[in-house]
Amino acid sequence: MTVKLNKKAFDHAKSLIRDNKVVIDTRDDWSEHAPSTQDENTFLDKNGSAQYSKWFLGVDDEHPEGQKGRYKFPYGDFKKIHRCAVISGESRASQYDHDDIRDALGNLLERLNEH
């Protein structure tokens, strides 16, 4: 599995922070704030894979374009970036040695903490 940083998603996340579309929550909130499978499917059906992919900082090139499994490291709920998702993702990226994704999430966390 090769998971690479999704630069479009990173830029999208930074723009959400600039536009104050943020939820400043705590680390353990992501299990409650994460979109459900139904929410993901609805968003994907309505908006397509290009928009869907903007909400995930990792892209797994072993999965075909447009397949949900291709996108890793969610950071929001399709409306706002969530601090809890960024923290959770940073920890997971570090655990699996995805250094570029970990660094991007660390950058986002700094921006959120300054917010």
N, C-alpha and C. Protein backbone atom coordinates (compact mmCIF):
# COMPACT_ATOMS: atom_id res chain seq x y z
N MET A 1 0.84 -1.18 0.00
CA MET A 1 0.00 0.00 0.00
C MET A 1 0.89 1.24 0.00
N THR A 2 0.67 2.09 -0.99
CA THR A 2 1.39 3.35 -1.05
C THR A 2 0.39 4.48 -0.84
N VAL A 3 0.50 5.13 0.30
CA VAL A 3 -0.39 6.25 0.61
C VAL A 3 0.43 7.52 0.53
N LYS A 4 -0.03 8.45 -0.30
CA LYS A 4 0.68 9.70 -0.52
C LYS A 4 -0.19 10.87 -0.08
N LEU A 5 0.47 11.98 0.19
CA LEU A 5 -0.23 13.19 0.56
C LEU A 5 -1.09 13.68 -0.60
N ASN A 6 -2.32 13.99 -0.30
CA ASN A 6 -3.26 14.57 -1.25
C ASN A 6 -3.13 16.09 -1.12
N LYS A 7 -2.36 16.70 -2.01
CA LYS A 7 -2.07 18.13 -1.92
C LYS A 7 -3.31 19.00 -2.12
N LYS A 8 -4.23 18.55 -2.94
CA LYS A 8 -5.48 19.30 -3.13
C LYS A 8 -6.28 19.33 -1.83
N ALA A 9 -6.28 18.22 -1.12
CA ALA A 9 -6.99 18.16 0.16
C ALA A 9 -6.30 19.04 1.20
N PHE A 10 -4.98 19.05 1.18
CA PHE A 10 -4.22 19.89 2.11
C PHE A 10 -4.54 21.36 1.86
N ASP A 11 -4.57 21.76 0.59
CA ASP A 11 -4.92 23.14 0.26
C ASP A 11 -6.37 23.46 0.66
N HIS A 12 -7.25 22.50 0.45
CA HIS A 12 -8.66 22.68 0.83
C HIS A 12 -8.79 22.86 2.34
N ALA A 13 -8.07 22.06 3.10
CA ALA A 13 -8.12 22.16 4.56
C ALA A 13 -7.62 23.53 5.03
N LYS A 14 -6.54 24.00 4.42
CA LYS A 14 -6.02 25.33 4.79
C LYS A 14 -7.03 26.42 4.46
N SER A 15 -7.73 26.27 3.34
CA SER A 15 -8.73 27.28 2.98
C SER A 15 -9.91 27.25 3.94
N LEU A 16 -10.28 26.07 4.43
CA LEU A 16 -11.35 25.98 5.42
C LEU A 16 -10.97 26.73 6.70
N ILE A 17 -9.73 26.59 7.10
CA ILE A 17 -9.26 27.29 8.29
C ILE A 17 -9.29 28.79 8.06
N ARG A 18 -8.80 29.23 6.91
CA ARG A 18 -8.83 30.66 6.57
C ARG A 18 -10.25 31.20 6.58
N ASP A 19 -11.20 30.38 6.12
CA ASP A 19 -12.60 30.81 6.04
C ASP A 19 -13.38 30.57 7.33
N ASN A 20 -12.66 30.18 8.39
CA ASN A 20 -13.26 29.95 9.71
C ASN A 20 -14.30 28.82 9.71
N LYS A 21 -14.11 27.84 8.85
CA LYS A 21 -14.98 26.67 8.81
C LYS A 21 -14.29 25.57 9.60
N VAL A 22 -14.28 25.76 10.92
CA VAL A 22 -13.53 24.88 11.82
C VAL A 22 -14.39 24.48 13.01
N VAL A 23 -14.08 23.33 13.56
CA VAL A 23 -14.65 22.88 14.83
C VAL A 23 -13.46 22.61 15.75
N ILE A 24 -13.35 23.40 16.81
CA ILE A 24 -12.26 23.24 17.76
C ILE A 24 -12.77 22.33 18.88
N ASP A 25 -12.52 21.06 18.71
CA ASP A 25 -13.00 20.06 19.65
C ASP A 25 -11.81 19.33 20.25
N THR A 26 -12.07 18.30 21.02
CA THR A 26 -10.99 17.58 21.69
C THR A 26 -10.71 16.26 20.97
N ARG A 27 -9.56 15.71 21.24
CA ARG A 27 -9.04 14.53 20.56
C ARG A 27 -10.06 13.40 20.42
N ASP A 28 -10.74 13.08 21.48
CA ASP A 28 -11.61 11.91 21.49
C ASP A 28 -12.98 12.15 20.85
N ASP A 29 -13.23 13.34 20.35
CA ASP A 29 -14.54 13.64 19.77
C ASP A 29 -14.74 13.07 18.38
N TRP A 30 -13.67 12.67 17.69
CA TRP A 30 -13.80 12.24 16.30
C TRP A 30 -14.71 11.04 16.13
N SER A 31 -14.73 10.13 17.09
CA SER A 31 -15.61 8.96 16.96
C SER A 31 -17.07 9.38 16.89
N GLU A 32 -17.42 10.49 17.50
CA GLU A 32 -18.79 10.99 17.45
C GLU A 32 -19.01 11.96 16.29
N HIS A 33 -17.98 12.68 15.87
CA HIS A 33 -18.11 13.72 14.85
C HIS A 33 -17.87 13.22 13.43
N ALA A 34 -17.24 12.07 13.30
CA ALA A 34 -16.91 11.55 11.96
C ALA A 34 -18.19 11.26 11.18
N PRO A 35 -18.19 11.55 9.88
CA PRO A 35 -19.36 11.22 9.07
C PRO A 35 -19.62 9.71 9.06
N SER A 36 -20.89 9.37 9.06
CA SER A 36 -21.26 7.96 8.97
C SER A 36 -21.01 7.46 7.55
N THR A 37 -21.05 6.17 7.38
CA THR A 37 -20.91 5.59 6.06
C THR A 37 -21.99 6.13 5.13
N GLN A 38 -23.19 6.27 5.65
CA GLN A 38 -24.29 6.83 4.85
C GLN A 38 -24.00 8.27 4.44
N ASP A 39 -23.47 9.08 5.37
CA ASP A 39 -23.10 10.46 5.05
C ASP A 39 -22.04 10.49 3.95
N GLU A 40 -21.05 9.61 4.06
CA GLU A 40 -20.00 9.54 3.05
C GLU A 40 -20.58 9.17 1.68
N ASN A 41 -21.44 8.15 1.66
CA ASN A 41 -22.04 7.71 0.40
C ASN A 41 -22.89 8.80 -0.23
N THR A 42 -23.67 9.49 0.60
CA THR A 42 -24.53 10.57 0.11
C THR A 42 -23.69 11.69 -0.48
N PHE A 43 -22.63 12.08 0.24
CA PHE A 43 -21.76 13.15 -0.26
C PHE A 43 -21.10 12.73 -1.58
N LEU A 44 -20.60 11.52 -1.63
CA LEU A 44 -19.95 11.01 -2.84
C LEU A 44 -20.92 10.98 -4.02
N ASP A 45 -22.13 10.49 -3.78
CA ASP A 45 -23.14 10.42 -4.85
C ASP A 45 -23.52 11.81 -5.36
N LYS A 46 -23.67 12.76 -4.46
CA LYS A 46 -24.09 14.11 -4.84
C LYS A 46 -22.98 14.94 -5.46
N ASN A 47 -21.74 14.74 -4.99
CA ASN A 47 -20.66 15.65 -5.35
C ASN A 47 -19.55 15.03 -6.21
N GLY A 48 -19.51 13.73 -6.28
CA GLY A 48 -18.50 13.05 -7.08
C GLY A 48 -17.19 12.85 -6.33
N SER A 49 -16.32 12.05 -6.93
CA SER A 49 -15.08 11.66 -6.24
C SER A 49 -14.08 12.81 -6.13
N ALA A 50 -14.10 13.76 -7.07
CA ALA A 50 -13.15 14.88 -6.99
C ALA A 50 -13.41 15.71 -5.74
N GLN A 51 -14.67 15.99 -5.44
CA GLN A 51 -15.00 16.75 -4.24
C GLN A 51 -14.81 15.90 -2.99
N TYR A 52 -15.19 14.64 -3.08
CA TYR A 52 -15.04 13.71 -1.95
C TYR A 52 -13.58 13.62 -1.53
N SER A 53 -12.68 13.52 -2.50
CA SER A 53 -11.26 13.32 -2.21
C SER A 53 -10.64 14.51 -1.48
N LYS A 54 -11.24 15.70 -1.62
CA LYS A 54 -10.71 16.89 -0.95
C LYS A 54 -10.80 16.82 0.56
N TRP A 55 -11.52 15.85 1.08
CA TRP A 55 -11.71 15.73 2.53
C TRP A 55 -10.81 14.66 3.15
N PHE A 56 -9.82 14.18 2.38
CA PHE A 56 -8.92 13.13 2.84
C PHE A 56 -7.50 13.50 2.47
N LEU A 57 -6.60 13.50 3.46
CA LEU A 57 -5.22 13.91 3.20
C LEU A 57 -4.35 12.82 2.61
N GLY A 58 -4.85 11.60 2.57
CA GLY A 58 -4.08 10.51 1.98
C GLY A 58 -4.78 9.89 0.80
N VAL A 59 -3.98 9.49 -0.19
CA VAL A 59 -4.50 8.78 -1.37
C VAL A 59 -3.71 7.48 -1.50
N ASP A 60 -4.43 6.38 -1.50
CA ASP A 60 -3.84 5.05 -1.64
C ASP A 60 -3.93 4.63 -3.10
N ASP A 61 -2.78 4.60 -3.77
CA ASP A 61 -2.78 4.34 -5.21
C ASP A 61 -3.05 2.88 -5.57
N GLU A 62 -3.22 2.02 -4.57
CA GLU A 62 -3.58 0.63 -4.86
C GLU A 62 -5.08 0.48 -5.14
N HIS A 63 -5.85 1.52 -4.84
CA HIS A 63 -7.29 1.50 -5.11
C HIS A 63 -7.57 2.39 -6.31
N PRO A 64 -8.52 2.01 -7.14
CA PRO A 64 -8.81 2.81 -8.33
C PRO A 64 -9.43 4.17 -7.99
N GLU A 65 -9.27 5.09 -8.92
CA GLU A 65 -9.85 6.42 -8.82
C GLU A 65 -11.35 6.31 -8.58
N GLY A 66 -11.87 7.10 -7.65
CA GLY A 66 -13.30 7.12 -7.39
C GLY A 66 -13.78 6.11 -6.36
N GLN A 67 -12.96 5.16 -5.99
CA GLN A 67 -13.34 4.17 -4.99
C GLN A 67 -13.07 4.73 -3.60
N LYS A 68 -14.02 4.58 -2.69
CA LYS A 68 -13.87 5.14 -1.35
C LYS A 68 -12.61 4.68 -0.64
N GLY A 69 -12.21 3.45 -0.83
CA GLY A 69 -11.02 2.92 -0.18
C GLY A 69 -9.73 3.60 -0.59
N ARG A 70 -9.77 4.36 -1.66
CA ARG A 70 -8.59 5.08 -2.15
C ARG A 70 -8.21 6.22 -1.21
N TYR A 71 -9.19 6.73 -0.46
CA TYR A 71 -8.98 7.96 0.32
C TYR A 71 -8.83 7.64 1.80
N LYS A 72 -7.76 8.16 2.39
CA LYS A 72 -7.41 7.89 3.78
C LYS A 72 -7.22 9.22 4.53
N PHE A 73 -7.26 9.17 5.81
CA PHE A 73 -6.98 10.30 6.69
C PHE A 73 -7.98 11.45 6.51
N PRO A 74 -9.25 11.18 6.87
CA PRO A 74 -10.25 12.25 6.81
C PRO A 74 -9.95 13.33 7.85
N TYR A 75 -10.34 14.54 7.55
CA TYR A 75 -10.08 15.64 8.49
C TYR A 75 -11.33 16.48 8.77
N GLY A 76 -12.47 16.07 8.27
CA GLY A 76 -13.66 16.87 8.51
C GLY A 76 -14.93 16.11 8.19
N ASP A 77 -16.04 16.86 8.26
CA ASP A 77 -17.37 16.28 8.11
C ASP A 77 -18.06 16.70 6.82
N PHE A 78 -17.30 17.12 5.83
CA PHE A 78 -17.77 17.60 4.53
C PHE A 78 -18.35 19.01 4.60
N LYS A 79 -18.21 19.63 5.77
CA LYS A 79 -18.61 21.03 5.93
C LYS A 79 -17.49 21.83 6.58
N LYS A 80 -16.90 21.23 7.61
CA LYS A 80 -15.87 21.91 8.40
C LYS A 80 -14.73 20.96 8.71
N ILE A 81 -13.56 21.54 8.96
CA ILE A 81 -12.41 20.78 9.43
C ILE A 81 -12.57 20.61 10.95
N HIS A 82 -12.29 19.43 11.44
CA HIS A 82 -12.42 19.13 12.87
C HIS A 82 -11.03 18.92 13.47
N ARG A 83 -10.76 19.62 14.54
CA ARG A 83 -9.48 19.48 15.23
C ARG A 83 -9.26 18.03 15.67
N CYS A 84 -10.32 17.39 16.14
CA CYS A 84 -10.20 16.01 16.62
C CYS A 84 -9.78 15.06 15.49
N ALA A 85 -10.26 15.30 14.28
CA ALA A 85 -9.87 14.45 13.14
C ALA A 85 -8.41 14.66 12.79
N VAL A 86 -7.95 15.91 12.88
CA VAL A 86 -6.55 16.22 12.58
C VAL A 86 -5.64 15.54 13.59
N ILE A 87 -5.99 15.61 14.86
CA ILE A 87 -5.19 14.98 15.91
C ILE A 87 -5.16 13.46 15.71
N SER A 88 -6.32 12.89 15.47
CA SER A 88 -6.41 11.45 15.27
C SER A 88 -5.60 11.01 14.05
N GLY A 89 -5.73 11.75 12.96
CA GLY A 89 -5.00 11.43 11.74
C GLY A 89 -3.50 11.55 11.91
N GLU A 90 -3.07 12.59 12.63
CA GLU A 90 -1.64 12.79 12.85
C GLU A 90 -1.04 11.60 13.60
N SER A 91 -1.75 11.12 14.59
CA SER A 91 -1.29 9.96 15.36
C SER A 91 -1.21 8.71 14.47
N ARG A 92 -2.24 8.47 13.66
CA ARG A 92 -2.25 7.31 12.78
C ARG A 92 -1.17 7.40 11.71
N ALA A 93 -0.98 8.59 11.15
CA ALA A 93 0.04 8.76 10.11
C ALA A 93 1.42 8.49 10.68
N SER A 94 1.65 8.93 11.89
CA SER A 94 2.93 8.68 12.54
C SER A 94 3.12 7.19 12.80
N GLN A 95 2.09 6.54 13.25
CA GLN A 95 2.13 5.12 13.56
C GLN A 95 2.50 4.29 12.33
N TYR A 96 2.02 4.71 11.14
CA TYR A 96 2.25 3.94 9.92
C TYR A 96 3.33 4.55 9.03
N ASP A 97 4.12 5.47 9.58
CA ASP A 97 5.27 6.07 8.88
C ASP A 97 4.90 6.81 7.59
N HIS A 98 3.75 7.48 7.61
CA HIS A 98 3.37 8.35 6.50
C HIS A 98 3.80 9.77 6.88
N ASP A 99 5.11 10.00 6.75
CA ASP A 99 5.69 11.24 7.26
C ASP A 99 5.14 12.50 6.61
N ASP A 100 4.91 12.47 5.30
CA ASP A 100 4.41 13.68 4.64
C ASP A 100 2.99 14.01 5.10
N ILE A 101 2.18 12.99 5.32
CA ILE A 101 0.82 13.21 5.81
C ILE A 101 0.86 13.67 7.27
N ARG A 102 1.70 13.04 8.07
CA ARG A 102 1.86 13.45 9.47
C ARG A 102 2.27 14.92 9.55
N ASP A 103 3.23 15.32 8.72
CA ASP A 103 3.69 16.71 8.75
C ASP A 103 2.59 17.67 8.31
N ALA A 104 1.82 17.29 7.29
CA ALA A 104 0.72 18.14 6.84
C ALA A 104 -0.33 18.29 7.94
N LEU A 105 -0.64 17.19 8.61
CA LEU A 105 -1.61 17.25 9.71
C LEU A 105 -1.07 18.07 10.87
N GLY A 106 0.21 17.96 11.15
CA GLY A 106 0.83 18.78 12.18
C GLY A 106 0.73 20.26 11.84
N ASN A 107 0.92 20.59 10.57
CA ASN A 107 0.79 21.97 10.11
C ASN A 107 -0.65 22.46 10.31
N LEU A 108 -1.61 21.63 9.96
CA LEU A 108 -3.02 22.00 10.14
C LEU A 108 -3.35 22.18 11.61
N LEU A 109 -2.82 21.29 12.45
CA LEU A 109 -3.08 21.39 13.89
C LEU A 109 -2.54 22.70 14.43
N GLU A 110 -1.34 23.10 14.01
CA GLU A 110 -0.79 24.40 14.44
C GLU A 110 -1.71 25.54 14.03
N ARG A 111 -2.18 25.49 12.80
CA ARG A 111 -3.10 26.54 12.31
C ARG A 111 -4.39 26.57 13.11
N LEU A 112 -4.91 25.38 13.43
CA LEU A 112 -6.14 25.32 14.22
C LEU A 112 -5.92 25.84 15.64
N ASN A 113 -4.80 25.47 16.23
CA ASN A 113 -4.50 25.91 17.59
C ASN A 113 -4.30 27.42 17.67
N GLU A 114 -3.82 28.03 16.59
CA GLU A 114 -3.66 29.49 16.54
C GLU A 114 -4.99 30.17 16.31
N HIS A 115 -5.93 29.44 15.82
CA HIS A 115 -7.22 30.00 15.42
C HIS A 115 -8.01 30.54 16.59
